[in-house]
Amino acid sequence: RGPGEPDQSTFTSGANTKHMRTFCSGIVSFSILVLCQLAGQQIAPYLPIPIPGPVIGMVILFTMLCCKLPTRIVHPACTQLIKYLPLLFIAAGVGVLGYLDEIQTDFAAITSALLLGTLLSTAITLCVGLIIQRYLPKSDKQES
């Protein structure tokens, strides 16, 4: 070691190595999420039905996770996104305030559509669940 050169132990201390490992895992994690979204964006124009690219990207990520991609690889990015998820709803709230007059005018229709849609989707889910349960073999049904 010459004069003015830093000691190598400064760069390889345990704390620095841990921070660097955390930083690198975060970069890899976000890169996987972004690459899945970009792949979805590239695939979307070639499909015969209009499916948003990010939705296709989520399907790609889901497939990768089902095919044994360790969840610990994407965990750092996912925890950070979930941590700040409420911030993403601010724009939607501001958008709703921008159309407050229209919403007040059509409040009854909007409320009716929301309630009817919720009831209808719940009823359909129940019916599909009952149909699936009916056709399951007896050994696969849960004991009550």
N, C-alpha and C. Protein backbone atom coordinates (compact mmCIF):
# COMPACT_ATOMS: atom_id res chain seq x y z
N ARG A 1 0.85 -1.17 0.00
CA ARG A 1 0.00 0.00 0.00
C ARG A 1 0.89 1.22 0.00
N GLY A 2 0.61 2.11 -0.93
CA GLY A 2 1.42 3.31 -1.04
C GLY A 2 0.80 4.45 -0.25
N PRO A 3 1.52 5.56 -0.16
CA PRO A 3 0.99 6.71 0.57
C PRO A 3 -0.25 7.29 -0.15
N GLY A 4 -1.28 7.61 0.62
CA GLY A 4 -2.49 8.20 0.05
C GLY A 4 -3.49 7.19 -0.47
N GLU A 5 -3.13 5.91 -0.55
CA GLU A 5 -4.07 4.89 -1.02
C GLU A 5 -4.93 4.42 0.14
N PRO A 6 -6.22 4.26 -0.07
CA PRO A 6 -7.09 3.82 1.02
C PRO A 6 -6.82 2.37 1.37
N ASP A 7 -7.08 2.07 2.61
CA ASP A 7 -6.94 0.70 3.10
C ASP A 7 -8.05 -0.15 2.49
N GLN A 8 -7.75 -1.35 2.01
CA GLN A 8 -8.74 -2.23 1.39
C GLN A 8 -9.84 -2.63 2.36
N SER A 9 -9.56 -2.64 3.66
CA SER A 9 -10.58 -3.03 4.63
C SER A 9 -11.72 -2.03 4.67
N THR A 10 -11.48 -0.79 4.20
CA THR A 10 -12.54 0.22 4.16
C THR A 10 -13.64 -0.21 3.19
N PHE A 11 -13.26 -0.83 2.08
CA PHE A 11 -14.22 -1.19 1.05
C PHE A 11 -14.86 -2.55 1.31
N THR A 12 -14.27 -3.37 2.12
CA THR A 12 -14.78 -4.71 2.32
C THR A 12 -15.32 -4.93 3.72
N SER A 13 -15.62 -3.85 4.44
CA SER A 13 -16.16 -4.03 5.78
C SER A 13 -17.55 -4.65 5.69
N GLY A 14 -17.99 -5.26 6.76
CA GLY A 14 -19.27 -5.95 6.76
C GLY A 14 -20.44 -5.04 6.46
N ALA A 15 -20.44 -3.83 7.02
CA ALA A 15 -21.56 -2.91 6.82
C ALA A 15 -21.65 -2.48 5.36
N ASN A 16 -20.51 -2.15 4.76
CA ASN A 16 -20.51 -1.73 3.36
C ASN A 16 -20.95 -2.86 2.44
N THR A 17 -20.50 -4.06 2.73
CA THR A 17 -20.87 -5.21 1.91
C THR A 17 -22.37 -5.47 2.00
N LYS A 18 -22.94 -5.34 3.20
CA LYS A 18 -24.37 -5.58 3.38
C LYS A 18 -25.18 -4.53 2.63
N HIS A 19 -24.77 -3.26 2.73
CA HIS A 19 -25.49 -2.20 2.01
C HIS A 19 -25.38 -2.38 0.51
N MET A 20 -24.21 -2.77 0.03
CA MET A 20 -24.03 -2.98 -1.40
C MET A 20 -24.88 -4.16 -1.88
N ARG A 21 -24.95 -5.21 -1.10
CA ARG A 21 -25.75 -6.38 -1.46
C ARG A 21 -27.24 -6.00 -1.50
N THR A 22 -27.69 -5.20 -0.53
CA THR A 22 -29.09 -4.75 -0.50
C THR A 22 -29.39 -3.87 -1.70
N PHE A 23 -28.46 -2.97 -2.03
CA PHE A 23 -28.63 -2.08 -3.17
C PHE A 23 -28.72 -2.89 -4.47
N CYS A 24 -27.81 -3.84 -4.64
CA CYS A 24 -27.79 -4.64 -5.86
C CYS A 24 -29.03 -5.51 -5.98
N SER A 25 -29.51 -6.07 -4.86
CA SER A 25 -30.71 -6.90 -4.94
C SER A 25 -31.93 -6.04 -5.30
N GLY A 26 -31.95 -4.79 -4.83
CA GLY A 26 -33.03 -3.88 -5.20
C GLY A 26 -33.01 -3.56 -6.68
N ILE A 27 -31.82 -3.33 -7.22
CA ILE A 27 -31.68 -3.04 -8.65
C ILE A 27 -32.14 -4.23 -9.49
N VAL A 28 -31.71 -5.41 -9.11
CA VAL A 28 -32.10 -6.63 -9.84
C VAL A 28 -33.61 -6.83 -9.75
N SER A 29 -34.17 -6.62 -8.57
CA SER A 29 -35.59 -6.80 -8.34
C SER A 29 -36.42 -5.85 -9.21
N PHE A 30 -36.10 -4.57 -9.17
CA PHE A 30 -36.82 -3.60 -10.00
C PHE A 30 -36.60 -3.86 -11.49
N SER A 31 -35.41 -4.31 -11.85
CA SER A 31 -35.13 -4.62 -13.26
C SER A 31 -36.02 -5.74 -13.76
N ILE A 32 -36.23 -6.77 -12.95
CA ILE A 32 -37.10 -7.86 -13.36
C ILE A 32 -38.53 -7.36 -13.57
N LEU A 33 -39.02 -6.54 -12.64
CA LEU A 33 -40.37 -6.01 -12.79
C LEU A 33 -40.51 -5.14 -14.04
N VAL A 34 -39.54 -4.28 -14.26
CA VAL A 34 -39.59 -3.39 -15.42
C VAL A 34 -39.45 -4.19 -16.73
N LEU A 35 -38.59 -5.18 -16.75
CA LEU A 35 -38.44 -6.00 -17.95
C LEU A 35 -39.71 -6.79 -18.26
N CYS A 36 -40.39 -7.27 -17.24
CA CYS A 36 -41.67 -7.96 -17.47
C CYS A 36 -42.68 -6.99 -18.06
N GLN A 37 -42.73 -5.77 -17.54
CA GLN A 37 -43.66 -4.79 -18.08
C GLN A 37 -43.29 -4.43 -19.53
N LEU A 38 -42.01 -4.22 -19.78
CA LEU A 38 -41.59 -3.89 -21.14
C LEU A 38 -41.89 -5.03 -22.12
N ALA A 39 -41.70 -6.26 -21.67
CA ALA A 39 -42.03 -7.41 -22.53
C ALA A 39 -43.53 -7.41 -22.83
N GLY A 40 -44.33 -7.12 -21.82
CA GLY A 40 -45.77 -7.04 -22.04
C GLY A 40 -46.14 -5.93 -23.00
N GLN A 41 -45.48 -4.79 -22.89
CA GLN A 41 -45.73 -3.67 -23.80
C GLN A 41 -45.36 -4.04 -25.24
N GLN A 42 -44.32 -4.84 -25.41
CA GLN A 42 -43.91 -5.23 -26.76
C GLN A 42 -44.83 -6.29 -27.35
N ILE A 43 -45.41 -7.14 -26.51
CA ILE A 43 -46.28 -8.22 -26.98
C ILE A 43 -47.68 -7.70 -27.29
N ALA A 44 -48.18 -6.72 -26.53
CA ALA A 44 -49.57 -6.25 -26.62
C ALA A 44 -50.02 -5.87 -28.03
N PRO A 45 -49.24 -5.17 -28.83
CA PRO A 45 -49.74 -4.79 -30.16
C PRO A 45 -49.98 -5.97 -31.09
N TYR A 46 -49.36 -7.11 -30.83
CA TYR A 46 -49.47 -8.26 -31.71
C TYR A 46 -50.63 -9.19 -31.35
N LEU A 47 -51.32 -8.91 -30.26
CA LEU A 47 -52.44 -9.75 -29.84
C LEU A 47 -53.71 -9.34 -30.57
N PRO A 48 -54.59 -10.29 -30.85
CA PRO A 48 -55.83 -9.95 -31.56
C PRO A 48 -56.85 -9.20 -30.70
N ILE A 49 -56.68 -9.24 -29.38
CA ILE A 49 -57.59 -8.52 -28.49
C ILE A 49 -56.80 -7.47 -27.72
N PRO A 50 -57.45 -6.35 -27.38
CA PRO A 50 -56.71 -5.29 -26.68
C PRO A 50 -56.50 -5.60 -25.20
N ILE A 51 -55.30 -6.01 -24.85
CA ILE A 51 -54.92 -6.24 -23.45
C ILE A 51 -53.77 -5.29 -23.15
N PRO A 52 -53.86 -4.53 -22.06
CA PRO A 52 -52.78 -3.59 -21.73
C PRO A 52 -51.45 -4.32 -21.51
N GLY A 53 -50.37 -3.69 -21.95
CA GLY A 53 -49.04 -4.26 -21.79
C GLY A 53 -48.68 -4.59 -20.35
N PRO A 54 -48.96 -3.70 -19.38
CA PRO A 54 -48.64 -4.04 -17.99
C PRO A 54 -49.37 -5.28 -17.48
N VAL A 55 -50.58 -5.53 -17.97
CA VAL A 55 -51.31 -6.74 -17.56
C VAL A 55 -50.59 -7.97 -18.11
N ILE A 56 -50.16 -7.89 -19.35
CA ILE A 56 -49.40 -9.00 -19.93
C ILE A 56 -48.10 -9.18 -19.16
N GLY A 57 -47.46 -8.08 -18.76
CA GLY A 57 -46.25 -8.16 -17.97
C GLY A 57 -46.48 -8.85 -16.63
N MET A 58 -47.64 -8.58 -16.00
CA MET A 58 -47.96 -9.27 -14.74
C MET A 58 -48.15 -10.76 -14.96
N VAL A 59 -48.76 -11.12 -16.10
CA VAL A 59 -48.93 -12.54 -16.43
C VAL A 59 -47.56 -13.19 -16.64
N ILE A 60 -46.65 -12.48 -17.30
CA ILE A 60 -45.30 -13.00 -17.50
C ILE A 60 -44.61 -13.19 -16.16
N LEU A 61 -44.71 -12.20 -15.27
CA LEU A 61 -44.10 -12.32 -13.94
C LEU A 61 -44.73 -13.46 -13.16
N PHE A 62 -46.05 -13.59 -13.22
CA PHE A 62 -46.74 -14.68 -12.53
C PHE A 62 -46.25 -16.03 -13.06
N THR A 63 -46.10 -16.14 -14.37
CA THR A 63 -45.60 -17.38 -14.97
C THR A 63 -44.19 -17.67 -14.50
N MET A 64 -43.36 -16.65 -14.44
CA MET A 64 -41.98 -16.84 -13.97
C MET A 64 -41.97 -17.31 -12.52
N LEU A 65 -42.84 -16.74 -11.69
CA LEU A 65 -42.90 -17.14 -10.28
C LEU A 65 -43.43 -18.57 -10.15
N CYS A 66 -44.37 -18.94 -11.02
CA CYS A 66 -44.88 -20.32 -10.99
C CYS A 66 -43.83 -21.32 -11.48
N CYS A 67 -42.92 -20.85 -12.32
CA CYS A 67 -41.87 -21.72 -12.86
C CYS A 67 -40.60 -21.65 -12.00
N LYS A 68 -40.77 -21.43 -10.73
CA LYS A 68 -39.69 -21.53 -9.74
C LYS A 68 -38.72 -20.35 -9.70
N LEU A 69 -39.13 -19.16 -10.17
CA LEU A 69 -38.32 -17.98 -9.91
C LEU A 69 -38.44 -17.70 -8.41
N PRO A 70 -37.34 -17.68 -7.68
CA PRO A 70 -37.45 -17.46 -6.23
C PRO A 70 -38.07 -16.10 -5.92
N THR A 71 -39.03 -16.09 -5.03
CA THR A 71 -39.71 -14.84 -4.69
C THR A 71 -38.77 -13.87 -3.99
N ARG A 72 -37.70 -14.38 -3.39
CA ARG A 72 -36.76 -13.49 -2.70
C ARG A 72 -36.08 -12.55 -3.69
N ILE A 73 -36.08 -12.92 -4.97
CA ILE A 73 -35.44 -12.06 -5.97
C ILE A 73 -36.27 -10.80 -6.22
N VAL A 74 -37.60 -10.91 -6.26
CA VAL A 74 -38.44 -9.74 -6.52
C VAL A 74 -38.98 -9.10 -5.24
N HIS A 75 -38.70 -9.70 -4.12
CA HIS A 75 -39.22 -9.21 -2.83
C HIS A 75 -38.81 -7.77 -2.52
N PRO A 76 -37.54 -7.36 -2.72
CA PRO A 76 -37.18 -5.97 -2.37
C PRO A 76 -38.00 -4.92 -3.12
N ALA A 77 -38.22 -5.10 -4.40
CA ALA A 77 -39.00 -4.12 -5.16
C ALA A 77 -40.46 -4.16 -4.76
N CYS A 78 -40.98 -5.35 -4.54
CA CYS A 78 -42.40 -5.48 -4.19
C CYS A 78 -42.70 -4.83 -2.85
N THR A 79 -41.82 -5.01 -1.87
CA THR A 79 -42.08 -4.39 -0.57
C THR A 79 -42.04 -2.87 -0.67
N GLN A 80 -41.14 -2.33 -1.47
CA GLN A 80 -41.08 -0.88 -1.63
C GLN A 80 -42.31 -0.36 -2.38
N LEU A 81 -42.77 -1.08 -3.40
CA LEU A 81 -43.96 -0.64 -4.13
C LEU A 81 -45.20 -0.68 -3.24
N ILE A 82 -45.34 -1.72 -2.45
CA ILE A 82 -46.49 -1.82 -1.56
C ILE A 82 -46.43 -0.74 -0.49
N LYS A 83 -45.22 -0.43 -0.04
CA LYS A 83 -45.05 0.60 0.98
C LYS A 83 -45.57 1.96 0.50
N TYR A 84 -45.34 2.27 -0.77
CA TYR A 84 -45.73 3.57 -1.32
C TYR A 84 -46.95 3.50 -2.22
N LEU A 85 -47.68 2.41 -2.20
CA LEU A 85 -48.87 2.25 -3.04
C LEU A 85 -49.93 3.32 -2.82
N PRO A 86 -50.19 3.74 -1.58
CA PRO A 86 -51.21 4.79 -1.41
C PRO A 86 -50.93 6.07 -2.18
N LEU A 87 -49.67 6.38 -2.43
CA LEU A 87 -49.35 7.58 -3.20
C LEU A 87 -49.87 7.51 -4.63
N LEU A 88 -50.01 6.30 -5.16
CA LEU A 88 -50.50 6.14 -6.52
C LEU A 88 -51.98 6.47 -6.65
N PHE A 89 -52.70 6.47 -5.53
CA PHE A 89 -54.13 6.77 -5.58
C PHE A 89 -54.41 8.26 -5.50
N ILE A 90 -53.42 9.07 -5.24
CA ILE A 90 -53.63 10.52 -5.16
C ILE A 90 -54.08 11.06 -6.51
N ALA A 91 -53.46 10.62 -7.58
CA ALA A 91 -53.83 11.09 -8.92
C ALA A 91 -55.27 10.70 -9.25
N ALA A 92 -55.69 9.51 -8.86
CA ALA A 92 -57.07 9.09 -9.11
C ALA A 92 -58.04 9.96 -8.32
N GLY A 93 -57.69 10.28 -7.08
CA GLY A 93 -58.54 11.14 -6.26
C GLY A 93 -58.67 12.53 -6.84
N VAL A 94 -57.57 13.06 -7.33
CA VAL A 94 -57.60 14.39 -7.96
C VAL A 94 -58.43 14.34 -9.23
N GLY A 95 -58.33 13.26 -9.97
CA GLY A 95 -59.14 13.09 -11.18
C GLY A 95 -60.63 13.07 -10.88
N VAL A 96 -61.00 12.40 -9.80
CA VAL A 96 -62.40 12.37 -9.39
C VAL A 96 -62.88 13.77 -9.03
N LEU A 97 -62.05 14.53 -8.33
CA LEU A 97 -62.44 15.90 -7.96
C LEU A 97 -62.61 16.78 -9.19
N GLY A 98 -61.88 16.48 -10.25
CA GLY A 98 -62.01 17.25 -11.48
C GLY A 98 -63.36 17.07 -12.16
N TYR A 99 -64.01 15.95 -11.90
CA TYR A 99 -65.31 15.66 -12.51
C TYR A 99 -66.43 15.65 -11.46
N LEU A 100 -66.27 16.42 -10.41
CA LEU A 100 -67.22 16.41 -9.30
C LEU A 100 -68.63 16.82 -9.76
N ASP A 101 -68.74 17.80 -10.65
CA ASP A 101 -70.07 18.23 -11.12
C ASP A 101 -70.78 17.10 -11.85
N GLU A 102 -70.07 16.40 -12.74
CA GLU A 102 -70.67 15.28 -13.47
C GLU A 102 -71.05 14.15 -12.54
N ILE A 103 -70.21 13.90 -11.53
CA ILE A 103 -70.50 12.84 -10.57
C ILE A 103 -71.75 13.18 -9.77
N GLN A 104 -71.89 14.43 -9.35
CA GLN A 104 -73.08 14.84 -8.59
C GLN A 104 -74.34 14.73 -9.44
N THR A 105 -74.21 15.05 -10.72
CA THR A 105 -75.36 14.96 -11.62
C THR A 105 -75.81 13.52 -11.79
N ASP A 106 -74.88 12.60 -11.96
CA ASP A 106 -75.20 11.20 -12.22
C ASP A 106 -74.95 10.31 -11.01
N PHE A 107 -75.05 10.86 -9.80
CA PHE A 107 -74.72 10.11 -8.59
C PHE A 107 -75.59 8.86 -8.43
N ALA A 108 -76.89 8.97 -8.68
CA ALA A 108 -77.78 7.82 -8.52
C ALA A 108 -77.41 6.70 -9.50
N ALA A 109 -77.13 7.07 -10.73
CA ALA A 109 -76.77 6.06 -11.74
C ALA A 109 -75.43 5.41 -11.40
N ILE A 110 -74.46 6.19 -10.96
CA ILE A 110 -73.15 5.65 -10.61
C ILE A 110 -73.26 4.72 -9.42
N THR A 111 -74.00 5.14 -8.39
CA THR A 111 -74.18 4.31 -7.19
C THR A 111 -74.92 3.02 -7.54
N SER A 112 -75.94 3.11 -8.36
CA SER A 112 -76.69 1.92 -8.77
C SER A 112 -75.80 0.95 -9.54
N ALA A 113 -75.00 1.48 -10.46
CA ALA A 113 -74.11 0.63 -11.25
C ALA A 113 -73.08 -0.06 -10.36
N LEU A 114 -72.52 0.68 -9.40
CA LEU A 114 -71.54 0.08 -8.48
C LEU A 114 -72.17 -1.02 -7.65
N LEU A 115 -73.34 -0.75 -7.07
CA LEU A 115 -74.02 -1.76 -6.23
C LEU A 115 -74.44 -2.97 -7.06
N LEU A 116 -75.04 -2.74 -8.21
CA LEU A 116 -75.49 -3.84 -9.07
C LEU A 116 -74.29 -4.67 -9.56
N GLY A 117 -73.23 -4.00 -9.95
CA GLY A 117 -72.03 -4.71 -10.40
C GLY A 117 -71.41 -5.56 -9.30
N THR A 118 -71.38 -5.01 -8.08
CA THR A 118 -70.83 -5.76 -6.95
C THR A 118 -71.69 -6.98 -6.64
N LEU A 119 -73.01 -6.78 -6.58
CA LEU A 119 -73.91 -7.91 -6.30
C LEU A 119 -73.84 -8.96 -7.39
N LEU A 120 -73.82 -8.53 -8.64
CA LEU A 120 -73.77 -9.45 -9.77
C LEU A 120 -72.47 -10.27 -9.77
N SER A 121 -71.35 -9.60 -9.56
CA SER A 121 -70.08 -10.34 -9.55
C SER A 121 -69.98 -11.28 -8.36
N THR A 122 -70.54 -10.91 -7.22
CA THR A 122 -70.56 -11.80 -6.05
C THR A 122 -71.43 -13.02 -6.34
N ALA A 123 -72.60 -12.80 -6.94
CA ALA A 123 -73.50 -13.92 -7.26
C ALA A 123 -72.86 -14.86 -8.28
N ILE A 124 -72.22 -14.32 -9.30
CA ILE A 124 -71.57 -15.16 -10.31
C ILE A 124 -70.43 -15.96 -9.69
N THR A 125 -69.65 -15.32 -8.83
CA THR A 125 -68.55 -16.03 -8.15
C THR A 125 -69.10 -17.16 -7.30
N LEU A 126 -70.19 -16.92 -6.60
CA LEU A 126 -70.82 -17.95 -5.78
C LEU A 126 -71.29 -19.12 -6.64
N CYS A 127 -71.97 -18.82 -7.74
CA CYS A 127 -72.47 -19.88 -8.62
C CYS A 127 -71.33 -20.70 -9.21
N VAL A 128 -70.30 -20.04 -9.68
CA VAL A 128 -69.16 -20.75 -10.25
C VAL A 128 -68.49 -21.63 -9.18
N GLY A 129 -68.36 -21.10 -7.96
CA GLY A 129 -67.78 -21.89 -6.87
C GLY A 129 -68.61 -23.12 -6.57
N LEU A 130 -69.94 -22.97 -6.54
CA LEU A 130 -70.81 -24.11 -6.28
C LEU A 130 -70.74 -25.15 -7.40
N ILE A 131 -70.67 -24.68 -8.64
CA ILE A 131 -70.56 -25.60 -9.78
C ILE A 131 -69.24 -26.37 -9.71
N ILE A 132 -68.16 -25.66 -9.44
CA ILE A 132 -66.86 -26.32 -9.34
C ILE A 132 -66.87 -27.32 -8.18
N GLN A 133 -67.46 -26.95 -7.07
CA GLN A 133 -67.50 -27.83 -5.91
C GLN A 133 -68.32 -29.08 -6.21
N ARG A 134 -69.37 -28.95 -7.00
CA ARG A 134 -70.21 -30.09 -7.34
C ARG A 134 -69.45 -31.12 -8.18
N TYR A 135 -68.57 -30.64 -9.07
CA TYR A 135 -67.87 -31.55 -9.97
C TYR A 135 -66.54 -32.04 -9.44
N LEU A 136 -66.12 -31.57 -8.27
CA LEU A 136 -64.89 -32.08 -7.67
C LEU A 136 -65.12 -33.49 -7.15
N PRO A 137 -64.13 -34.35 -7.27
CA PRO A 137 -64.28 -35.68 -6.67
C PRO A 137 -64.46 -35.56 -5.16
N LYS A 138 -65.13 -36.52 -4.57
CA LYS A 138 -65.42 -36.49 -3.14
C LYS A 138 -64.15 -36.42 -2.31
N SER A 139 -63.06 -37.03 -2.73
CA SER A 139 -61.82 -37.02 -1.95
C SER A 139 -61.16 -35.66 -1.92
N ASP A 140 -61.43 -34.80 -2.91
CA ASP A 140 -60.82 -33.48 -2.96
C ASP A 140 -61.58 -32.44 -2.15
N LYS A 141 -62.85 -32.74 -1.80
CA LYS A 141 -63.63 -31.78 -1.02
C LYS A 141 -63.11 -31.71 0.39
N GLN A 142 -63.15 -30.53 0.97
CA GLN A 142 -62.70 -30.35 2.35
C GLN A 142 -63.75 -30.89 3.30
N GLU A 143 -63.29 -31.47 4.37
CA GLU A 143 -64.19 -31.98 5.40
C GLU A 143 -64.71 -30.79 6.22
N SER A 144 -66.03 -30.76 6.51
CA SER A 144 -66.55 -29.67 7.33
C SER A 144 -66.89 -30.13 8.72
